[in-house]
Amino acid sequence: MKEGKKNTVGEYDKILREVREVMVAKNTDYGDSWRKMRLSSITDQIIVKVCRIRKLEESKEPPKISEGVDAEYRDIINYCIFALIKLREEQERRRNE
């Protein structure tokens, strides 16, 4: 394995662990509230996060309330995983009908 690829995989795994920790912490606070959401609502949440990132990147001032761009990206990753879970559940449900 090339060194560059090894570093990429290691960095990727590290970020996924961080993203998972955020999900577990938020799940403790909010429960599985995302499971009650429609897939389109999860998509809307991703769009909101993208808009926040754009606003933060364009702002010359540091955020007053936001946790920052990295937190928004972590949330997007988690919403994408939730969307994939819901898609798989829907596919499974259709197969069983």
PDB file of N, CA and C in Angstrom:
ATOM      1  N   MET A   1       0.846  -1.176   0.000  1.00  0.00           N
ATOM      2  CA  MET A   1       0.000   0.000   0.000  1.00  0.00           C
ATOM      3  C   MET A   1       0.893   1.242   0.000  1.00  0.00           C
ATOM      4  N   LYS A   2       0.557   2.200  -0.849  1.00  0.00           N
ATOM      5  CA  LYS A   2       1.335   3.433  -0.918  1.00  0.00           C
ATOM      6  C   LYS A   2       1.119   4.252   0.346  1.00  0.00           C
ATOM      7  N   GLU A   3       2.156   4.994   0.726  1.00  0.00           N
ATOM      8  CA  GLU A   3       2.082   5.790   1.953  1.00  0.00           C
ATOM      9  C   GLU A   3       0.948   6.811   1.897  1.00  0.00           C
ATOM     10  N   GLY A   4       0.784   7.489   0.759  1.00  0.00           N
ATOM     11  CA  GLY A   4      -0.292   8.471   0.624  1.00  0.00           C
ATOM     12  C   GLY A   4      -1.659   7.861   0.852  1.00  0.00           C
ATOM     13  N   LYS A   5      -1.868   6.689   0.297  1.00  0.00           N
ATOM     14  CA  LYS A   5      -3.141   6.000   0.464  1.00  0.00           C
ATOM     15  C   LYS A   5      -3.338   5.571   1.916  1.00  0.00           C
ATOM     16  N   LYS A   6      -2.277   5.093   2.533  1.00  0.00           N
ATOM     17  CA  LYS A   6      -2.353   4.680   3.934  1.00  0.00           C
ATOM     18  C   LYS A   6      -2.766   5.860   4.806  1.00  0.00           C
ATOM     19  N   ASN A   7      -2.177   7.033   4.571  1.00  0.00           N
ATOM     20  CA  ASN A   7      -2.536   8.214   5.351  1.00  0.00           C
ATOM     21  C   ASN A   7      -3.984   8.610   5.112  1.00  0.00           C
ATOM     22  N   THR A   8      -4.419   8.535   3.862  1.00  0.00           N
ATOM     23  CA  THR A   8      -5.798   8.893   3.547  1.00  0.00           C
ATOM     24  C   THR A   8      -6.766   7.983   4.287  1.00  0.00           C
ATOM     25  N   VAL A   9      -6.518   6.698   4.259  1.00  0.00           N
ATOM     26  CA  VAL A   9      -7.399   5.748   4.937  1.00  0.00           C
ATOM     27  C   VAL A   9      -7.383   5.996   6.442  1.00  0.00           C
ATOM     28  N   GLY A  10      -6.218   6.243   7.000  1.00  0.00           N
ATOM     29  CA  GLY A  10      -6.117   6.523   8.432  1.00  0.00           C
ATOM     30  C   GLY A  10      -6.857   7.789   8.823  1.00  0.00           C
ATOM     31  N   GLU A  11      -6.688   8.838   8.029  1.00  0.00           N
ATOM     32  CA  GLU A  11      -7.390  10.098   8.297  1.00  0.00           C
ATOM     33  C   GLU A  11      -8.898   9.919   8.164  1.00  0.00           C
ATOM     34  N   TYR A  12      -9.297   9.181   7.136  1.00  0.00           N
ATOM     35  CA  TYR A  12     -10.714   8.902   6.897  1.00  0.00           C
ATOM     36  C   TYR A  12     -11.315   8.177   8.101  1.00  0.00           C
ATOM     37  N   ASP A  13     -10.630   7.137   8.556  1.00  0.00           N
ATOM     38  CA  ASP A  13     -11.109   6.370   9.706  1.00  0.00           C
ATOM     39  C   ASP A  13     -11.189   7.229  10.966  1.00  0.00           C
ATOM     40  N   LYS A  14     -10.207   8.100  11.161  1.00  0.00           N
ATOM     41  CA  LYS A  14     -10.207   8.982  12.332  1.00  0.00           C
ATOM     42  C   LYS A  14     -11.422   9.901  12.307  1.00  0.00           C
ATOM     43  N   ILE A  15     -11.705  10.476  11.147  1.00  0.00           N
ATOM     44  CA  ILE A  15     -12.856  11.372  11.031  1.00  0.00           C
ATOM     45  C   ILE A  15     -14.153  10.607  11.247  1.00  0.00           C
ATOM     46  N   LEU A  16     -14.251   9.403  10.687  1.00  0.00           N
ATOM     47  CA  LEU A  16     -15.466   8.607  10.899  1.00  0.00           C
ATOM     48  C   LEU A  16     -15.682   8.296  12.376  1.00  0.00           C
ATOM     49  N   ARG A  17     -14.609   8.042  13.107  1.00  0.00           N
ATOM     50  CA  ARG A  17     -14.738   7.814  14.559  1.00  0.00           C
ATOM     51  C   ARG A  17     -15.262   9.073  15.246  1.00  0.00           C
ATOM     52  N   GLU A  18     -14.728  10.239  14.858  1.00  0.00           N
ATOM     53  CA  GLU A  18     -15.190  11.505  15.442  1.00  0.00           C
ATOM     54  C   GLU A  18     -16.667  11.744  15.129  1.00  0.00           C
ATOM     55  N   VAL A  19     -17.047  11.489  13.878  1.00  0.00           N
ATOM     56  CA  VAL A  19     -18.434  11.678  13.455  1.00  0.00           C
ATOM     57  C   VAL A  19     -19.355  10.749  14.244  1.00  0.00           C
ATOM     58  N   ARG A  20     -18.914   9.526  14.455  1.00  0.00           N
ATOM     59  CA  ARG A  20     -19.707   8.565  15.225  1.00  0.00           C
ATOM     60  C   ARG A  20     -19.867   9.033  16.672  1.00  0.00           C
ATOM     61  N   GLU A  21     -18.798   9.566  17.260  1.00  0.00           N
ATOM     62  CA  GLU A  21     -18.870  10.076  18.631  1.00  0.00           C
ATOM     63  C   GLU A  21     -19.899  11.193  18.740  1.00  0.00           C
ATOM     64  N   VAL A  22     -19.933  12.078  17.753  1.00  0.00           N
ATOM     65  CA  VAL A  22     -20.922  13.161  17.738  1.00  0.00           C
ATOM     66  C   VAL A  22     -22.329  12.574  17.680  1.00  0.00           C
ATOM     67  N   MET A  23     -22.526  11.581  16.805  1.00  0.00           N
ATOM     68  CA  MET A  23     -23.838  10.952  16.664  1.00  0.00           C
ATOM     69  C   MET A  23     -24.273  10.306  17.974  1.00  0.00           C
ATOM     70  N   VAL A  24     -23.374   9.592  18.624  1.00  0.00           N
ATOM     71  CA  VAL A  24     -23.711   8.926  19.888  1.00  0.00           C
ATOM     72  C   VAL A  24     -24.082   9.968  20.944  1.00  0.00           C
ATOM     73  N   ALA A  25     -23.317  11.052  21.032  1.00  0.00           N
ATOM     74  CA  ALA A  25     -23.602  12.106  22.011  1.00  0.00           C
ATOM     75  C   ALA A  25     -24.955  12.761  21.730  1.00  0.00           C
ATOM     76  N   LYS A  26     -25.207  13.091  20.472  1.00  0.00           N
ATOM     77  CA  LYS A  26     -26.486  13.723  20.125  1.00  0.00           C
ATOM     78  C   LYS A  26     -27.638  12.745  20.298  1.00  0.00           C
ATOM     79  N   ASN A  27     -27.391  11.475  20.037  1.00  0.00           N
ATOM     80  CA  ASN A  27     -28.434  10.471  20.214  1.00  0.00           C
ATOM     81  C   ASN A  27     -28.816  10.356  21.684  1.00  0.00           C
ATOM     82  N   THR A  28     -27.847  10.544  22.572  1.00  0.00           N
ATOM     83  CA  THR A  28     -28.128  10.538  24.007  1.00  0.00           C
ATOM     84  C   THR A  28     -29.057  11.693  24.365  1.00  0.00           C
ATOM     85  N   ASP A  29     -28.818  12.862  23.757  1.00  0.00           N
ATOM     86  CA  ASP A  29     -29.634  14.047  24.036  1.00  0.00           C
ATOM     87  C   ASP A  29     -30.995  14.008  23.345  1.00  0.00           C
ATOM     88  N   TYR A  30     -31.017  13.598  22.080  1.00  0.00           N
ATOM     89  CA  TYR A  30     -32.226  13.729  21.261  1.00  0.00           C
ATOM     90  C   TYR A  30     -32.910  12.411  20.934  1.00  0.00           C
ATOM     91  N   GLY A  31     -32.267  11.297  21.200  1.00  0.00           N
ATOM     92  CA  GLY A  31     -32.828  10.011  20.802  1.00  0.00           C
ATOM     93  C   GLY A  31     -32.749   9.834  19.292  1.00  0.00           C
ATOM     94  N   ASP A  32     -33.501   8.888  18.788  1.00  0.00           N
ATOM     95  CA  ASP A  32     -33.517   8.607  17.351  1.00  0.00           C
ATOM     96  C   ASP A  32     -34.554   9.468  16.640  1.00  0.00           C
ATOM     97  N   SER A  33     -34.570  10.759  16.908  1.00  0.00           N
ATOM     98  CA  SER A  33     -35.579  11.646  16.316  1.00  0.00           C
ATOM     99  C   SER A  33     -35.533  11.632  14.794  1.00  0.00           C
ATOM    100  N   TRP A  34     -34.372  11.389  14.216  1.00  0.00           N
ATOM    101  CA  TRP A  34     -34.251  11.358  12.757  1.00  0.00           C
ATOM    102  C   TRP A  34     -35.080  10.233  12.148  1.00  0.00           C
ATOM    103  N   ARG A  35     -35.348   9.187  12.914  1.00  0.00           N
ATOM    104  CA  ARG A  35     -36.138   8.060  12.387  1.00  0.00           C
ATOM    105  C   ARG A  35     -37.581   8.466  12.100  1.00  0.00           C
ATOM    106  N   LYS A  36     -38.052   9.521  12.760  1.00  0.00           N
ATOM    107  CA  LYS A  36     -39.411  10.007  12.526  1.00  0.00           C
ATOM    108  C   LYS A  36     -39.481  10.923  11.303  1.00  0.00           C
ATOM    109  N   MET A  37     -38.328  11.296  10.781  1.00  0.00           N
ATOM    110  CA  MET A  37     -38.274  12.220   9.645  1.00  0.00           C
ATOM    111  C   MET A  37     -38.453  11.467   8.333  1.00  0.00           C
ATOM    112  N   ARG A  38     -39.082  12.149   7.379  1.00  0.00           N
ATOM    113  CA  ARG A  38     -39.132  11.607   6.022  1.00  0.00           C
ATOM    114  C   ARG A  38     -37.763  11.813   5.387  1.00  0.00           C
ATOM    115  N   LEU A  39     -37.473  11.038   4.375  1.00  0.00           N
ATOM    116  CA  LEU A  39     -36.202  11.167   3.667  1.00  0.00           C
ATOM    117  C   LEU A  39     -36.026  12.583   3.119  1.00  0.00           C
ATOM    118  N   SER A  40     -37.100  13.167   2.609  1.00  0.00           N
ATOM    119  CA  SER A  40     -37.019  14.532   2.077  1.00  0.00           C
ATOM    120  C   SER A  40     -36.679  15.543   3.176  1.00  0.00           C
ATOM    121  N   SER A  41     -37.115  15.283   4.399  1.00  0.00           N
ATOM    122  CA  SER A  41     -36.776  16.177   5.518  1.00  0.00           C
ATOM    123  C   SER A  41     -35.300  16.072   5.880  1.00  0.00           C
ATOM    124  N   ILE A  42     -34.755  14.875   5.786  1.00  0.00           N
ATOM    125  CA  ILE A  42     -33.315  14.706   6.025  1.00  0.00           C
ATOM    126  C   ILE A  42     -32.536  15.447   4.945  1.00  0.00           C
ATOM    127  N   THR A  43     -33.002  15.342   3.702  1.00  0.00           N
ATOM    128  CA  THR A  43     -32.366  16.079   2.608  1.00  0.00           C
ATOM    129  C   THR A  43     -32.408  17.575   2.889  1.00  0.00           C
ATOM    130  N   ASP A  44     -33.539  18.068   3.378  1.00  0.00           N
ATOM    131  CA  ASP A  44     -33.655  19.490   3.726  1.00  0.00           C
ATOM    132  C   ASP A  44     -32.648  19.878   4.802  1.00  0.00           C
ATOM    133  N   GLN A  45     -32.455  19.018   5.793  1.00  0.00           N
ATOM    134  CA  GLN A  45     -31.480  19.308   6.851  1.00  0.00           C
ATOM    135  C   GLN A  45     -30.065  19.402   6.283  1.00  0.00           C
ATOM    136  N   ILE A  46     -29.751  18.539   5.326  1.00  0.00           N
ATOM    137  CA  ILE A  46     -28.435  18.589   4.680  1.00  0.00           C
ATOM    138  C   ILE A  46     -28.274  19.912   3.944  1.00  0.00           C
ATOM    139  N   ILE A  47     -29.323  20.336   3.236  1.00  0.00           N
ATOM    140  CA  ILE A  47     -29.271  21.612   2.505  1.00  0.00           C
ATOM    141  C   ILE A  47     -29.073  22.775   3.467  1.00  0.00           C
ATOM    142  N   VAL A  48     -29.763  22.749   4.601  1.00  0.00           N
ATOM    143  CA  VAL A  48     -29.597  23.806   5.613  1.00  0.00           C
ATOM    144  C   VAL A  48     -28.148  23.861   6.081  1.00  0.00           C
ATOM    145  N   LYS A  49     -27.559  22.695   6.332  1.00  0.00           N
ATOM    146  CA  LYS A  49     -26.157  22.642   6.773  1.00  0.00           C
ATOM    147  C   LYS A  49     -25.227  23.206   5.703  1.00  0.00           C
ATOM    148  N   VAL A  50     -25.481  22.867   4.433  1.00  0.00           N
ATOM    149  CA  VAL A  50     -24.661  23.392   3.333  1.00  0.00           C
ATOM    150  C   VAL A  50     -24.763  24.915   3.286  1.00  0.00           C
ATOM    151  N   CYS A  51     -25.961  25.439   3.456  1.00  0.00           N
ATOM    152  CA  CYS A  51     -26.146  26.900   3.455  1.00  0.00           C
ATOM    153  C   CYS A  51     -25.406  27.553   4.619  1.00  0.00           C
ATOM    154  N   ARG A  52     -25.428  26.914   5.781  1.00  0.00           N
ATOM    155  CA  ARG A  52     -24.691  27.452   6.935  1.00  0.00           C
ATOM    156  C   ARG A  52     -23.189  27.467   6.659  1.00  0.00           C
ATOM    157  N   ILE A  53     -22.685  26.410   6.053  1.00  0.00           N
ATOM    158  CA  ILE A  53     -21.256  26.358   5.720  1.00  0.00           C
ATOM    159  C   ILE A  53     -20.906  27.500   4.784  1.00  0.00           C
ATOM    160  N   ARG A  54     -21.720  27.686   3.750  1.00  0.00           N
ATOM    161  CA  ARG A  54     -21.466  28.772   2.794  1.00  0.00           C
ATOM    162  C   ARG A  54     -21.435  30.122   3.510  1.00  0.00           C
ATOM    163  N   LYS A  55     -22.396  30.345   4.390  1.00  0.00           N
ATOM    164  CA  LYS A  55     -22.469  31.613   5.128  1.00  0.00           C
ATOM    165  C   LYS A  55     -21.234  31.786   6.014  1.00  0.00           C
ATOM    166  N   LEU A  56     -20.836  30.735   6.707  1.00  0.00           N
ATOM    167  CA  LEU A  56     -19.653  30.805   7.567  1.00  0.00           C
ATOM    168  C   LEU A  56     -18.393  31.068   6.755  1.00  0.00           C
ATOM    169  N   GLU A  57     -18.284  30.424   5.594  1.00  0.00           N
ATOM    170  CA  GLU A  57     -17.102  30.614   4.747  1.00  0.00           C
ATOM    171  C   GLU A  57     -17.032  32.024   4.177  1.00  0.00           C
ATOM    172  N   GLU A  58     -18.183  32.602   3.882  1.00  0.00           N
ATOM    173  CA  GLU A  58     -18.214  33.938   3.285  1.00  0.00           C
ATOM    174  C   GLU A  58     -18.097  35.048   4.320  1.00  0.00           C
ATOM    175  N   SER A  59     -18.370  34.734   5.575  1.00  0.00           N
ATOM    176  CA  SER A  59     -18.348  35.745   6.632  1.00  0.00           C
ATOM    177  C   SER A  59     -16.920  36.119   6.997  1.00  0.00           C
ATOM    178  N   LYS A  60     -16.726  37.390   7.226  1.00  0.00           N
ATOM    179  CA  LYS A  60     -15.415  37.872   7.668  1.00  0.00           C
ATOM    180  C   LYS A  60     -15.303  37.835   9.191  1.00  0.00           C
ATOM    181  N   GLU A  61     -16.427  37.659   9.849  1.00  0.00           N
ATOM    182  CA  GLU A  61     -16.477  37.613  11.310  1.00  0.00           C
ATOM    183  C   GLU A  61     -16.488  36.154  11.785  1.00  0.00           C
ATOM    184  N   PRO A  62     -15.851  35.867  12.911  1.00  0.00           N
ATOM    185  CA  PRO A  62     -15.948  34.504  13.465  1.00  0.00           C
ATOM    186  C   PRO A  62     -17.380  34.249  13.941  1.00  0.00           C
ATOM    187  N   PRO A  63     -17.834  33.007  13.901  1.00  0.00           N
ATOM    188  CA  PRO A  63     -19.212  32.716  14.322  1.00  0.00           C
ATOM    189  C   PRO A  63     -19.410  33.015  15.804  1.00  0.00           C
ATOM    190  N   LYS A  64     -20.577  33.558  16.128  1.00  0.00           N
ATOM    191  CA  LYS A  64     -20.876  33.882  17.522  1.00  0.00           C
ATOM    192  C   LYS A  64     -21.515  32.693  18.242  1.00  0.00           C
ATOM    193  N   ILE A  65     -22.320  31.933  17.525  1.00  0.00           N
ATOM    194  CA  ILE A  65     -23.033  30.822  18.142  1.00  0.00           C
ATOM    195  C   ILE A  65     -22.606  29.486  17.555  1.00  0.00           C
ATOM    196  N   SER A  66     -22.403  29.438  16.258  1.00  0.00           N
ATOM    197  CA  SER A  66     -22.114  28.186  15.554  1.00  0.00           C
ATOM    198  C   SER A  66     -20.867  27.507  16.111  1.00  0.00           C
ATOM    199  N   GLU A  67     -20.864  26.189  16.020  1.00  0.00           N
ATOM    200  CA  GLU A  67     -19.696  25.410  16.428  1.00  0.00           C
ATOM    201  C   GLU A  67     -18.618  25.436  15.360  1.00  0.00           C
ATOM    202  N   GLY A  68     -18.931  25.999  14.207  1.00  0.00           N
ATOM    203  CA  GLY A  68     -17.947  26.103  13.142  1.00  0.00           C
ATOM    204  C   GLY A  68     -18.241  25.180  11.978  1.00  0.00           C
ATOM    205  N   VAL A  69     -17.478  25.382  10.922  1.00  0.00           N
ATOM    206  CA  VAL A  69     -17.672  24.641   9.684  1.00  0.00           C
ATOM    207  C   VAL A  69     -17.479  23.145   9.894  1.00  0.00           C
ATOM    208  N   ASP A  70     -16.482  22.761  10.672  1.00  0.00           N
ATOM    209  CA  ASP A  70     -16.224  21.329  10.856  1.00  0.00           C
ATOM    210  C   ASP A  70     -17.410  20.612  11.496  1.00  0.00           C
ATOM    211  N   ALA A  71     -18.088  21.268  12.432  1.00  0.00           N
ATOM    212  CA  ALA A  71     -19.268  20.662  13.059  1.00  0.00           C
ATOM    213  C   ALA A  71     -20.396  20.487  12.047  1.00  0.00           C
ATOM    214  N   GLU A  72     -20.538  21.463  11.156  1.00  0.00           N
ATOM    215  CA  GLU A  72     -21.572  21.361  10.118  1.00  0.00           C
ATOM    216  C   GLU A  72     -21.277  20.191   9.185  1.00  0.00           C
ATOM    217  N   TYR A  73     -20.009  20.017   8.809  1.00  0.00           N
ATOM    218  CA  TYR A  73     -19.639  18.886   7.953  1.00  0.00           C
ATOM    219  C   TYR A  73     -19.900  17.553   8.648  1.00  0.00           C
ATOM    220  N   ARG A  74     -19.586  17.476   9.941  1.00  0.00           N
ATOM    221  CA  ARG A  74     -19.850  16.233  10.683  1.00  0.00           C
ATOM    222  C   ARG A  74     -21.347  15.923  10.703  1.00  0.00           C
ATOM    223  N   ASP A  75     -22.153  16.971  10.901  1.00  0.00           N
ATOM    224  CA  ASP A  75     -23.602  16.767  10.893  1.00  0.00           C
ATOM    225  C   ASP A  75     -24.086  16.287   9.530  1.00  0.00           C
ATOM    226  N   ILE A  76     -23.519  16.842   8.454  1.00  0.00           N
ATOM    227  CA  ILE A  76     -23.901  16.408   7.107  1.00  0.00           C
ATOM    228  C   ILE A  76     -23.589  14.926   6.927  1.00  0.00           C
ATOM    229  N   ILE A  77     -22.414  14.512   7.368  1.00  0.00           N
ATOM    230  CA  ILE A  77     -22.050  13.092   7.241  1.00  0.00           C
ATOM    231  C   ILE A  77     -23.065  12.226   7.977  1.00  0.00           C
ATOM    232  N   ASN A  78     -23.417  12.621   9.195  1.00  0.00           N
ATOM    233  CA  ASN A  78     -24.388  11.830   9.956  1.00  0.00           C
ATOM    234  C   ASN A  78     -25.751  11.816   9.277  1.00  0.00           C
ATOM    235  N   TYR A  79     -26.209  12.964   8.770  1.00  0.00           N
ATOM    236  CA  TYR A  79     -27.487  12.985   8.055  1.00  0.00           C
ATOM    237  C   TYR A  79     -27.438  12.095   6.817  1.00  0.00           C
ATOM    238  N   CYS A  80     -26.309  12.073   6.119  1.00  0.00           N
ATOM    239  CA  CYS A  80     -26.175  11.195   4.948  1.00  0.00           C
ATOM    240  C   CYS A  80     -26.272   9.726   5.353  1.00  0.00           C
ATOM    241  N   ILE A  81     -25.653   9.373   6.459  1.00  0.00           N
ATOM    242  CA  ILE A  81     -25.740   7.989   6.939  1.00  0.00           C
ATOM    243  C   ILE A  81     -27.178   7.657   7.335  1.00  0.00           C
ATOM    244  N   PHE A  82     -27.851   8.585   8.018  1.00  0.00           N
ATOM    245  CA  PHE A  82     -29.249   8.361   8.371  1.00  0.00           C
ATOM    246  C   PHE A  82     -30.096   8.163   7.112  1.00  0.00           C
ATOM    247  N   ALA A  83     -29.833   8.964   6.081  1.00  0.00           N
ATOM    248  CA  ALA A  83     -30.573   8.836   4.820  1.00  0.00           C
ATOM    249  C   ALA A  83     -30.334   7.464   4.198  1.00  0.00           C
ATOM    250  N   LEU A  84     -29.093   7.005   4.226  1.00  0.00           N
ATOM    251  CA  LEU A  84     -28.792   5.677   3.682  1.00  0.00           C
ATOM    252  C   LEU A  84     -29.499   4.576   4.472  1.00  0.00           C
ATOM    253  N   ILE A  85     -29.561   4.720   5.781  1.00  0.00           N
ATOM    254  CA  ILE A  85     -30.283   3.746   6.609  1.00  0.00           C
ATOM    255  C   ILE A  85     -31.751   3.721   6.210  1.00  0.00           C
ATOM    256  N   LYS A  86     -32.355   4.913   6.074  1.00  0.00           N
ATOM    257  CA  LYS A  86     -33.767   4.985   5.695  1.00  0.00           C
ATOM    258  C   LYS A  86     -33.996   4.403   4.305  1.00  0.00           C
ATOM    259  N   LEU A  87     -33.099   4.676   3.370  1.00  0.00           N
ATOM    260  CA  LEU A  87     -33.218   4.106   2.023  1.00  0.00           C
ATOM    261  C   LEU A  87     -33.191   2.585   2.070  1.00  0.00           C
ATOM    262  N   ARG A  88     -32.267   2.036   2.830  1.00  0.00           N
ATOM    263  CA  ARG A  88     -32.173   0.577   2.949  1.00  0.00           C
ATOM    264  C   ARG A  88     -33.423  -0.007   3.596  1.00  0.00           C
ATOM    265  N   GLU A  89     -33.927   0.680   4.617  1.00  0.00           N
ATOM    266  CA  GLU A  89     -35.157   0.206   5.260  1.00  0.00           C
ATOM    267  C   GLU A  89     -36.324   0.207   4.276  1.00  0.00           C
ATOM    268  N   GLU A  90     -36.418   1.271   3.460  1.00  0.00           N
ATOM    269  CA  GLU A  90     -37.486   1.346   2.462  1.00  0.00           C
ATOM    270  C   GLU A  90     -37.337   0.247   1.420  1.00  0.00           C
ATOM    271  N   GLN A  91     -36.119   0.000   0.978  1.00  0.00           N
ATOM    272  CA  GLN A  91     -35.879  -1.066   0.000  1.00  0.00           C
ATOM    273  C   GLN A  91     -36.247  -2.427   0.584  1.00  0.00           C
ATOM    274  N   GLU A  92     -35.881  -2.644   1.827  1.00  0.00           N
ATOM    275  CA  GLU A  92     -36.205  -3.905   2.500  1.00  0.00           C
ATOM    276  C   GLU A  92     -37.716  -4.062   2.640  1.00  0.00           C
ATOM    277  N   ARG A  93     -38.386  -2.982   3.009  1.00  0.00           N
ATOM    278  CA  ARG A  93     -39.844  -3.017   3.162  1.00  0.00           C
ATOM    279  C   ARG A  93     -40.508  -3.363   1.827  1.00  0.00           C
ATOM    280  N   ARG A  94     -40.035  -2.762   0.739  1.00  0.00           N
ATOM    281  CA  ARG A  94     -40.599  -3.036  -0.592  1.00  0.00           C
ATOM    282  C   ARG A  94     -40.379  -4.493  -1.005  1.00  0.00           C
ATOM    283  N   ARG A  95     -39.210  -5.029  -0.684  1.00  0.00           N
ATOM    284  CA  ARG A  95     -38.927  -6.430  -1.023  1.00  0.00           C
ATOM    285  C   ARG A  95     -39.857  -7.383  -0.273  1.00  0.00           C
ATOM    286  N   ASN A  96     -40.235  -6.988   0.925  1.00  0.00           N
ATOM    287  CA  ASN A  96     -41.076  -7.851   1.761  1.00  0.00           C
ATOM    288  C   ASN A  96     -42.569  -7.686   1.500  1.00  0.00           C
ATOM    289  N   GLU A  97     -42.945  -6.751   0.648  1.00  0.00           N
ATOM    290  CA  GLU A  97     -44.376  -6.547   0.360  1.00  0.00           C
ATOM    291  C   GLU A  97     -44.895  -7.596  -0.579  1.00  0.00           C
TER     292      GLU A  97
END
